[in-house]
Each structure stands twice: as structure tokens, then as C-alpha cells.
Amino acid sequence: MEEYLSKLMTYAEVESLLKHIQAEHQVGAQGKWIKYVEPTFDMRFGLCYKVSFIGWSPSHDVVIHTQNECATLKDSLYKRCMDWLDGVAE
């Protein structure tokens, strides 16, 4: 597998992310209102390389990934997703 500076997400990190969304960002919660989450896995490596957050309208949809311009970002995919959810990065 290629070495990514922006680390791909493990199954355990995806599970942690989903639990965090359910606790803090589901519809009706104080945080972002996330209706659907679509993690995309590369089964060659068993790791998640993209997460789509789908809200109540297309203007609220966000995709965070590790491809192209994001492949060399310092922070891991998990950290960037958590930072976006909690308002650290907009």
C-alpha cells in the first residue's frame, strides 16, 4: 500500500466516528444534523478512504477524503472528520 500522510480510517475509527455522530450530531442534537453517513472502503487494504456526510439538503452535504489534493494532508481522515463535526474545521 502507498504511504499516505493523510492516514486512511480503520474499522474501529469508523465505529468511533459513527458513535460520536449518533451521540452529538444526529437530527435534533445540538451539533450538525447528520441524516446519513457513507464510509467508502478500499477492500484491497480494508480501510476507509472517504466519508460522505449527508444532511437535510444538498447544501449541507460534505465529503472528506484522502484522494488527490487531500492525499498529502498531515491530519488523518479520522481527525479531519472529527474536526469538521465539532467545528474545528469548516
PDB file of N, CA and C in Angstrom:
ATOM      1  N   MET A   1       0.848  -1.182   0.000  1.00  0.00           N
ATOM      2  CA  MET A   1       0.000   0.000   0.000  1.00  0.00           C
ATOM      3  C   MET A   1       0.888   1.237   0.000  1.00  0.00           C
ATOM      4  N   GLU A   2       0.477   2.247  -0.748  1.00  0.00           N
ATOM      5  CA  GLU A   2       1.210   3.508  -0.749  1.00  0.00           C
ATOM      6  C   GLU A   2       1.191   4.126   0.632  1.00  0.00           C
ATOM      7  N   GLU A   3       2.217   4.893   0.921  1.00  0.00           N
ATOM      8  CA  GLU A   3       2.274   5.598   2.202  1.00  0.00           C
ATOM      9  C   GLU A   3       1.490   6.896   2.080  1.00  0.00           C
ATOM     10  N   TYR A   4       0.470   7.037   2.867  1.00  0.00           N
ATOM     11  CA  TYR A   4      -0.341   8.249   2.878  1.00  0.00           C
ATOM     12  C   TYR A   4       0.050   9.093   4.073  1.00  0.00           C
ATOM     13  N   LEU A   5       0.197  10.382   3.870  1.00  0.00           N
ATOM     14  CA  LEU A   5       0.383  11.267   5.008  1.00  0.00           C
ATOM     15  C   LEU A   5      -0.961  11.461   5.693  1.00  0.00           C
ATOM     16  N   SER A   6      -2.032  11.534   4.897  1.00  0.00           N
ATOM     17  CA  SER A   6      -3.376  11.596   5.453  1.00  0.00           C
ATOM     18  C   SER A   6      -3.842  10.154   5.620  1.00  0.00           C
ATOM     19  N   LYS A   7      -3.667   9.620   6.817  1.00  0.00           N
ATOM     20  CA  LYS A   7      -3.940   8.219   7.100  1.00  0.00           C
ATOM     21  C   LYS A   7      -5.389   7.841   6.811  1.00  0.00           C
ATOM     22  N   LEU A   8      -5.574   6.671   6.214  1.00  0.00           N
ATOM     23  CA  LEU A   8      -6.907   6.135   5.992  1.00  0.00           C
ATOM     24  C   LEU A   8      -7.501   5.704   7.331  1.00  0.00           C
ATOM     25  N   MET A   9      -8.824   5.516   7.360  1.00  0.00           N
ATOM     26  CA  MET A   9      -9.512   5.205   8.604  1.00  0.00           C
ATOM     27  C   MET A   9      -9.728   3.699   8.755  1.00  0.00           C
ATOM     28  N   THR A  10      -9.486   3.196   9.955  1.00  0.00           N
ATOM     29  CA  THR A  10      -9.705   1.790  10.260  1.00  0.00           C
ATOM     30  C   THR A  10     -11.184   1.547  10.577  1.00  0.00           C
ATOM     31  N   TYR A  11     -11.568   0.270  10.631  1.00  0.00           N
ATOM     32  CA  TYR A  11     -12.938  -0.079  11.027  1.00  0.00           C
ATOM     33  C   TYR A  11     -13.257   0.473  12.422  1.00  0.00           C
ATOM     34  N   ALA A  12     -12.310   0.357  13.337  1.00  0.00           N
ATOM     35  CA  ALA A  12     -12.521   0.844  14.707  1.00  0.00           C
ATOM     36  C   ALA A  12     -12.734   2.357  14.729  1.00  0.00           C
ATOM     37  N   GLU A  13     -11.989   3.090  13.900  1.00  0.00           N
ATOM     38  CA  GLU A  13     -12.169   4.540  13.835  1.00  0.00           C
ATOM     39  C   GLU A  13     -13.517   4.908  13.222  1.00  0.00           C
ATOM     40  N   VAL A  14     -13.953   4.154  12.214  1.00  0.00           N
ATOM     41  CA  VAL A  14     -15.278   4.392  11.626  1.00  0.00           C
ATOM     42  C   VAL A  14     -16.353   4.158  12.679  1.00  0.00           C
ATOM     43  N   GLU A  15     -16.215   3.090  13.450  1.00  0.00           N
ATOM     44  CA  GLU A  15     -17.176   2.812  14.514  1.00  0.00           C
ATOM     45  C   GLU A  15     -17.207   3.956  15.535  1.00  0.00           C
ATOM     46  N   SER A  16     -16.054   4.443  15.921  1.00  0.00           N
ATOM     47  CA  SER A  16     -15.963   5.566  16.853  1.00  0.00           C
ATOM     48  C   SER A  16     -16.612   6.822  16.272  1.00  0.00           C
ATOM     49  N   LEU A  17     -16.362   7.084  14.999  1.00  0.00           N
ATOM     50  CA  LEU A  17     -16.954   8.232  14.312  1.00  0.00           C
ATOM     51  C   LEU A  17     -18.479   8.130  14.313  1.00  0.00           C
ATOM     52  N   LEU A  18     -19.009   6.960  13.984  1.00  0.00           N
ATOM     53  CA  LEU A  18     -20.462   6.769  13.941  1.00  0.00           C
ATOM     54  C   LEU A  18     -21.094   6.927  15.329  1.00  0.00           C
ATOM     55  N   LYS A  19     -20.435   6.425  16.351  1.00  0.00           N
ATOM     56  CA  LYS A  19     -20.948   6.585  17.717  1.00  0.00           C
ATOM     57  C   LYS A  19     -20.957   8.059  18.115  1.00  0.00           C
ATOM     58  N   HIS A  20     -19.916   8.783  17.720  1.00  0.00           N
ATOM     59  CA  HIS A  20     -19.847  10.218  18.013  1.00  0.00           C
ATOM     60  C   HIS A  20     -20.974  10.971  17.300  1.00  0.00           C
ATOM     61  N   ILE A  21     -21.219  10.627  16.037  1.00  0.00           N
ATOM     62  CA  ILE A  21     -22.308  11.272  15.290  1.00  0.00           C
ATOM     63  C   ILE A  21     -23.642  10.978  15.952  1.00  0.00           C
ATOM     64  N   GLN A  22     -23.861   9.736  16.338  1.00  0.00           N
ATOM     65  CA  GLN A  22     -25.123   9.371  16.969  1.00  0.00           C
ATOM     66  C   GLN A  22     -25.320  10.107  18.285  1.00  0.00           C
ATOM     67  N   ALA A  23     -24.262  10.304  19.033  1.00  0.00           N
ATOM     68  CA  ALA A  23     -24.362  10.969  20.334  1.00  0.00           C
ATOM     69  C   ALA A  23     -24.477  12.493  20.216  1.00  0.00           C
ATOM     70  N   GLU A  24     -23.780  13.087  19.255  1.00  0.00           N
ATOM     71  CA  GLU A  24     -23.664  14.545  19.222  1.00  0.00           C
ATOM     72  C   GLU A  24     -24.256  15.229  17.992  1.00  0.00           C
ATOM     73  N   HIS A  25     -24.471  14.494  16.892  1.00  0.00           N
ATOM     74  CA  HIS A  25     -24.807  15.156  15.627  1.00  0.00           C
ATOM     75  C   HIS A  25     -25.995  14.548  14.896  1.00  0.00           C
ATOM     76  N   GLN A  26     -26.794  13.744  15.575  1.00  0.00           N
ATOM     77  CA  GLN A  26     -27.979  13.226  14.907  1.00  0.00           C
ATOM     78  C   GLN A  26     -29.039  14.325  14.861  1.00  0.00           C
ATOM     79  N   VAL A  27     -30.055  14.122  14.071  1.00  0.00           N
ATOM     80  CA  VAL A  27     -31.112  15.120  13.921  1.00  0.00           C
ATOM     81  C   VAL A  27     -31.730  15.422  15.285  1.00  0.00           C
ATOM     82  N   GLY A  28     -31.805  16.708  15.594  1.00  0.00           N
ATOM     83  CA  GLY A  28     -32.360  17.145  16.862  1.00  0.00           C
ATOM     84  C   GLY A  28     -31.305  17.425  17.917  1.00  0.00           C
ATOM     85  N   ALA A  29     -30.079  16.995  17.674  1.00  0.00           N
ATOM     86  CA  ALA A  29     -28.992  17.248  18.627  1.00  0.00           C
ATOM     87  C   ALA A  29     -28.476  18.675  18.452  1.00  0.00           C
ATOM     88  N   GLN A  30     -27.601  19.106  19.330  1.00  0.00           N
ATOM     89  CA  GLN A  30     -27.044  20.457  19.291  1.00  0.00           C
ATOM     90  C   GLN A  30     -26.065  20.667  18.138  1.00  0.00           C
ATOM     91  N   GLY A  31     -25.380  19.614  17.717  1.00  0.00           N
ATOM     92  CA  GLY A  31     -24.339  19.752  16.694  1.00  0.00           C
ATOM     93  C   GLY A  31     -24.910  19.780  15.287  1.00  0.00           C
ATOM     94  N   LYS A  32     -24.106  19.351  14.335  1.00  0.00           N
ATOM     95  CA  LYS A  32     -24.561  19.272  12.941  1.00  0.00           C
ATOM     96  C   LYS A  32     -25.633  18.189  12.848  1.00  0.00           C
ATOM     97  N   TRP A  33     -26.588  18.399  12.010  1.00  0.00           N
ATOM     98  CA  TRP A  33     -27.655  17.406  11.843  1.00  0.00           C
ATOM     99  C   TRP A  33     -27.289  16.481  10.691  1.00  0.00           C
ATOM    100  N   ILE A  34     -26.761  15.321  11.018  1.00  0.00           N
ATOM    101  CA  ILE A  34     -26.330  14.347  10.023  1.00  0.00           C
ATOM    102  C   ILE A  34     -27.450  13.318   9.849  1.00  0.00           C
ATOM    103  N   LYS A  35     -27.941  13.208   8.623  1.00  0.00           N
ATOM    104  CA  LYS A  35     -29.012  12.255   8.330  1.00  0.00           C
ATOM    105  C   LYS A  35     -28.449  10.897   7.892  1.00  0.00           C
ATOM    106  N   TYR A  36     -27.431  10.921   7.033  1.00  0.00           N
ATOM    107  CA  TYR A  36     -26.808   9.697   6.532  1.00  0.00           C
ATOM    108  C   TYR A  36     -25.287   9.848   6.556  1.00  0.00           C
ATOM    109  N   VAL A  37     -24.594   8.732   6.762  1.00  0.00           N
ATOM    110  CA  VAL A  37     -23.135   8.692   6.690  1.00  0.00           C
ATOM    111  C   VAL A  37     -22.772   7.531   5.762  1.00  0.00           C
ATOM    112  N   GLU A  38     -21.916   7.814   4.792  1.00  0.00           N
ATOM    113  CA  GLU A  38     -21.499   6.783   3.847  1.00  0.00           C
ATOM    114  C   GLU A  38     -19.976   6.650   3.851  1.00  0.00           C
ATOM    115  N   PRO A  39     -19.432   5.740   4.664  1.00  0.00           N
ATOM    116  CA  PRO A  39     -18.000   5.489   4.597  1.00  0.00           C
ATOM    117  C   PRO A  39     -17.706   4.624   3.362  1.00  0.00           C
ATOM    118  N   THR A  40     -16.633   4.925   2.657  1.00  0.00           N
ATOM    119  CA  THR A  40     -16.249   4.161   1.473  1.00  0.00           C
ATOM    120  C   THR A  40     -14.923   3.461   1.760  1.00  0.00           C
ATOM    121  N   PHE A  41     -14.942   2.147   1.638  1.00  0.00           N
ATOM    122  CA  PHE A  41     -13.769   1.331   1.954  1.00  0.00           C
ATOM    123  C   PHE A  41     -13.073   0.851   0.688  1.00  0.00           C
ATOM    124  N   ASP A  42     -11.761   0.822   0.753  1.00  0.00           N
ATOM    125  CA  ASP A  42     -10.951   0.179  -0.268  1.00  0.00           C
ATOM    126  C   ASP A  42     -10.653  -1.215   0.282  1.00  0.00           C
ATOM    127  N   MET A  43     -11.305  -2.208  -0.272  1.00  0.00           N
ATOM    128  CA  MET A  43     -11.206  -3.556   0.292  1.00  0.00           C
ATOM    129  C   MET A  43      -9.874  -4.237  -0.010  1.00  0.00           C
ATOM    130  N   ARG A  44      -9.046  -3.609  -0.863  1.00  0.00           N
ATOM    131  CA  ARG A  44      -7.695  -4.150  -1.035  1.00  0.00           C
ATOM    132  C   ARG A  44      -6.916  -4.036   0.264  1.00  0.00           C
ATOM    133  N   PHE A  45      -7.209  -2.977   1.024  1.00  0.00           N
ATOM    134  CA  PHE A  45      -6.486  -2.705   2.262  1.00  0.00           C
ATOM    135  C   PHE A  45      -7.380  -2.811   3.491  1.00  0.00           C
ATOM    136  N   GLY A  46      -8.712  -2.854   3.285  1.00  0.00           N
ATOM    137  CA  GLY A  46      -9.646  -2.919   4.409  1.00  0.00           C
ATOM    138  C   GLY A  46      -9.714  -1.622   5.191  1.00  0.00           C
ATOM    139  N   LEU A  47      -9.504  -0.496   4.495  1.00  0.00           N
ATOM    140  CA  LEU A  47      -9.505   0.811   5.150  1.00  0.00           C
ATOM    141  C   LEU A  47     -10.453   1.770   4.436  1.00  0.00           C
ATOM    142  N   CYS A  48     -10.981   2.694   5.204  1.00  0.00           N
ATOM    143  CA  CYS A  48     -11.901   3.705   4.674  1.00  0.00           C
ATOM    144  C   CYS A  48     -11.093   4.884   4.152  1.00  0.00           C
ATOM    145  N   TYR A  49     -11.376   5.311   2.914  1.00  0.00           N
ATOM    146  CA  TYR A  49     -10.653   6.437   2.329  1.00  0.00           C
ATOM    147  C   TYR A  49     -11.537   7.657   2.079  1.00  0.00           C
ATOM    148  N   LYS A  50     -12.849   7.507   2.305  1.00  0.00           N
ATOM    149  CA  LYS A  50     -13.758   8.627   2.065  1.00  0.00           C
ATOM    150  C   LYS A  50     -14.990   8.484   2.952  1.00  0.00           C
ATOM    151  N   VAL A  51     -15.460   9.620   3.476  1.00  0.00           N
ATOM    152  CA  VAL A  51     -16.685   9.631   4.266  1.00  0.00           C
ATOM    153  C   VAL A  51     -17.578  10.739   3.724  1.00  0.00           C
ATOM    154  N   SER A  52     -18.805  10.366   3.376  1.00  0.00           N
ATOM    155  CA  SER A  52     -19.797  11.342   2.925  1.00  0.00           C
ATOM    156  C   SER A  52     -20.792  11.572   4.054  1.00  0.00           C
ATOM    157  N   PHE A  53     -20.959  12.827   4.425  1.00  0.00           N
ATOM    158  CA  PHE A  53     -21.932  13.222   5.435  1.00  0.00           C
ATOM    159  C   PHE A  53     -23.098  13.868   4.697  1.00  0.00           C
ATOM    160  N   ILE A  54     -24.292  13.331   4.877  1.00  0.00           N
ATOM    161  CA  ILE A  54     -25.454  13.821   4.152  1.00  0.00           C
ATOM    162  C   ILE A  54     -26.437  14.399   5.153  1.00  0.00           C
ATOM    163  N   GLY A  55     -26.767  15.677   4.944  1.00  0.00           N
ATOM    164  CA  GLY A  55     -27.685  16.375   5.836  1.00  0.00           C
ATOM    165  C   GLY A  55     -29.083  16.437   5.249  1.00  0.00           C
ATOM    166  N   TRP A  56     -29.820  17.472   5.600  1.00  0.00           N
ATOM    167  CA  TRP A  56     -31.216  17.597   5.177  1.00  0.00           C
ATOM    168  C   TRP A  56     -31.378  18.180   3.787  1.00  0.00           C
ATOM    169  N   SER A  57     -30.350  18.800   3.244  1.00  0.00           N
ATOM    170  CA  SER A  57     -30.414  19.311   1.882  1.00  0.00           C
ATOM    171  C   SER A  57     -29.026  19.190   1.262  1.00  0.00           C
ATOM    172  N   PRO A  58     -28.952  19.197  -0.070  1.00  0.00           N
ATOM    173  CA  PRO A  58     -27.638  19.061  -0.713  1.00  0.00           C
ATOM    174  C   PRO A  58     -26.624  20.118  -0.281  1.00  0.00           C
ATOM    175  N   SER A  59     -27.090  21.275   0.128  1.00  0.00           N
ATOM    176  CA  SER A  59     -26.151  22.324   0.560  1.00  0.00           C
ATOM    177  C   SER A  59     -25.467  21.964   1.884  1.00  0.00           C
ATOM    178  N   HIS A  60     -25.972  20.962   2.585  1.00  0.00           N
ATOM    179  CA  HIS A  60     -25.376  20.537   3.846  1.00  0.00           C
ATOM    180  C   HIS A  60     -24.520  19.279   3.707  1.00  0.00           C
ATOM    181  N   ASP A  61     -24.401  18.746   2.493  1.00  0.00           N
ATOM    182  CA  ASP A  61     -23.625  17.540   2.270  1.00  0.00           C
ATOM    183  C   ASP A  61     -22.129  17.874   2.222  1.00  0.00           C
ATOM    184  N   VAL A  62     -21.330  17.025   2.845  1.00  0.00           N
ATOM    185  CA  VAL A  62     -19.879  17.216   2.891  1.00  0.00           C
ATOM    186  C   VAL A  62     -19.199  15.871   2.654  1.00  0.00           C
ATOM    187  N   VAL A  63     -18.146  15.894   1.847  1.00  0.00           N
ATOM    188  CA  VAL A  63     -17.335  14.701   1.613  1.00  0.00           C
ATOM    189  C   VAL A  63     -15.913  15.014   2.061  1.00  0.00           C
ATOM    190  N   ILE A  64     -15.367  14.156   2.909  1.00  0.00           N
ATOM    191  CA  ILE A  64     -13.984  14.283   3.360  1.00  0.00           C
ATOM    192  C   ILE A  64     -13.263  13.019   2.913  1.00  0.00           C
ATOM    193  N   HIS A  65     -12.120  13.184   2.241  1.00  0.00           N
ATOM    194  CA  HIS A  65     -11.453  12.032   1.632  1.00  0.00           C
ATOM    195  C   HIS A  65      -9.938  12.163   1.714  1.00  0.00           C
ATOM    196  N   THR A  66      -9.251  11.157   1.178  1.00  0.00           N
ATOM    197  CA  THR A  66      -7.786  11.132   1.203  1.00  0.00           C
ATOM    198  C   THR A  66      -7.212  11.038  -0.203  1.00  0.00           C
ATOM    199  N   GLN A  67      -7.958  11.461  -1.197  1.00  0.00           N
ATOM    200  CA  GLN A  67      -7.510  11.337  -2.576  1.00  0.00           C
ATOM    201  C   GLN A  67      -7.009  12.673  -3.123  1.00  0.00           C
ATOM    202  N   ASN A  68      -6.264  12.589  -4.210  1.00  0.00           N
ATOM    203  CA  ASN A  68      -5.785  13.745  -4.964  1.00  0.00           C
ATOM    204  C   ASN A  68      -5.201  14.823  -4.067  1.00  0.00           C
ATOM    205  N   GLU A  69      -5.834  15.991  -4.028  1.00  0.00           N
ATOM    206  CA  GLU A  69      -5.298  17.127  -3.274  1.00  0.00           C
ATOM    207  C   GLU A  69      -5.265  16.874  -1.771  1.00  0.00           C
ATOM    208  N   CYS A  70      -5.990  15.887  -1.293  1.00  0.00           N
ATOM    209  CA  CYS A  70      -6.033  15.593   0.141  1.00  0.00           C
ATOM    210  C   CYS A  70      -5.099  14.451   0.545  1.00  0.00           C
ATOM    211  N   ALA A  71      -4.439  13.842  -0.414  1.00  0.00           N
ATOM    212  CA  ALA A  71      -3.600  12.672  -0.128  1.00  0.00           C
ATOM    213  C   ALA A  71      -2.404  13.003   0.746  1.00  0.00           C
ATOM    214  N   THR A  72      -1.932  14.228   0.692  1.00  0.00           N
ATOM    215  CA  THR A  72      -0.726  14.577   1.435  1.00  0.00           C
ATOM    216  C   THR A  72      -1.009  15.461   2.641  1.00  0.00           C
ATOM    217  N   LEU A  73      -2.271  15.554   3.053  1.00  0.00           N
ATOM    218  CA  LEU A  73      -2.587  16.342   4.240  1.00  0.00           C
ATOM    219  C   LEU A  73      -2.009  15.668   5.476  1.00  0.00           C
ATOM    220  N   LYS A  74      -1.573  16.469   6.409  1.00  0.00           N
ATOM    221  CA  LYS A  74      -0.902  15.959   7.616  1.00  0.00           C
ATOM    222  C   LYS A  74      -1.848  15.164   8.514  1.00  0.00           C
ATOM    223  N   ASP A  75      -3.064  15.667   8.721  1.00  0.00           N
ATOM    224  CA  ASP A  75      -4.002  15.015   9.642  1.00  0.00           C
ATOM    225  C   ASP A  75      -4.659  13.800   9.004  1.00  0.00           C
ATOM    226  N   SER A  76      -4.963  12.818   9.826  1.00  0.00           N
ATOM    227  CA  SER A  76      -5.623  11.604   9.347  1.00  0.00           C
ATOM    228  C   SER A  76      -7.060  11.909   8.936  1.00  0.00           C
ATOM    229  N   LEU A  77      -7.638  10.997   8.177  1.00  0.00           N
ATOM    230  CA  LEU A  77      -9.031  11.134   7.773  1.00  0.00           C
ATOM    231  C   LEU A  77      -9.934  11.194   9.007  1.00  0.00           C
ATOM    232  N   TYR A  78      -9.663  10.367   9.986  1.00  0.00           N
ATOM    233  CA  TYR A  78     -10.461  10.354  11.213  1.00  0.00           C
ATOM    234  C   TYR A  78     -10.416  11.721  11.901  1.00  0.00           C
ATOM    235  N   LYS A  79      -9.228  12.274  12.059  1.00  0.00           N
ATOM    236  CA  LYS A  79      -9.089  13.570  12.728  1.00  0.00           C
ATOM    237  C   LYS A  79      -9.784  14.669  11.942  1.00  0.00           C
ATOM    238  N   ARG A  80      -9.640  14.658  10.622  1.00  0.00           N
ATOM    239  CA  ARG A  80     -10.290  15.700   9.818  1.00  0.00           C
ATOM    240  C   ARG A  80     -11.811  15.596   9.901  1.00  0.00           C
ATOM    241  N   CYS A  81     -12.345  14.364   9.933  1.00  0.00           N
ATOM    242  CA  CYS A  81     -13.801  14.186  10.083  1.00  0.00           C
ATOM    243  C   CYS A  81     -14.266  14.683  11.449  1.00  0.00           C
ATOM    244  N   MET A  82     -13.561  14.303  12.501  1.00  0.00           N
ATOM    245  CA  MET A  82     -13.941  14.735  13.851  1.00  0.00           C
ATOM    246  C   MET A  82     -13.829  16.253  13.996  1.00  0.00           C
ATOM    247  N   ASP A  83     -12.774  16.841  13.438  1.00  0.00           N
ATOM    248  CA  ASP A  83     -12.609  18.297  13.498  1.00  0.00           C
ATOM    249  C   ASP A  83     -13.756  19.011  12.786  1.00  0.00           C
ATOM    250  N   TRP A  84     -14.151  18.499  11.615  1.00  0.00           N
ATOM    251  CA  TRP A  84     -15.271  19.114  10.894  1.00  0.00           C
ATOM    252  C   TRP A  84     -16.569  18.989  11.706  1.00  0.00           C
ATOM    253  N   LEU A  85     -16.827  17.807  12.231  1.00  0.00           N
ATOM    254  CA  LEU A  85     -18.046  17.604  13.016  1.00  0.00           C
ATOM    255  C   LEU A  85     -18.130  18.550  14.211  1.00  0.00           C
ATOM    256  N   ASP A  86     -17.017  18.740  14.875  1.00  0.00           N
ATOM    257  CA  ASP A  86     -17.013  19.527  16.105  1.00  0.00           C
ATOM    258  C   ASP A  86     -16.665  20.993  15.878  1.00  0.00           C
ATOM    259  N   GLY A  87     -16.649  21.425  14.606  1.00  0.00           N
ATOM    260  CA  GLY A  87     -16.475  22.835  14.306  1.00  0.00           C
ATOM    261  C   GLY A  87     -15.057  23.355  14.358  1.00  0.00           C
ATOM    262  N   VAL A  88     -14.076  22.457  14.459  1.00  0.00           N
ATOM    263  CA  VAL A  88     -12.678  22.888  14.478  1.00  0.00           C
ATOM    264  C   VAL A  88     -12.269  23.322  13.068  1.00  0.00           C
ATOM    265  N   ALA A  89     -12.806  22.627  12.044  1.00  0.00           N
ATOM    266  CA  ALA A  89     -12.528  22.957  10.639  1.00  0.00           C
ATOM    267  C   ALA A  89     -13.865  23.090   9.922  1.00  0.00           C
ATOM    268  N   GLU A  90     -14.038  24.145   9.194  1.00  0.00           N
ATOM    269  CA  GLU A  90     -15.300  24.344   8.460  1.00  0.00           C
ATOM    270  C   GLU A  90     -15.086  24.271   6.966  1.00  0.00           C
TER     271      GLU A  90
END
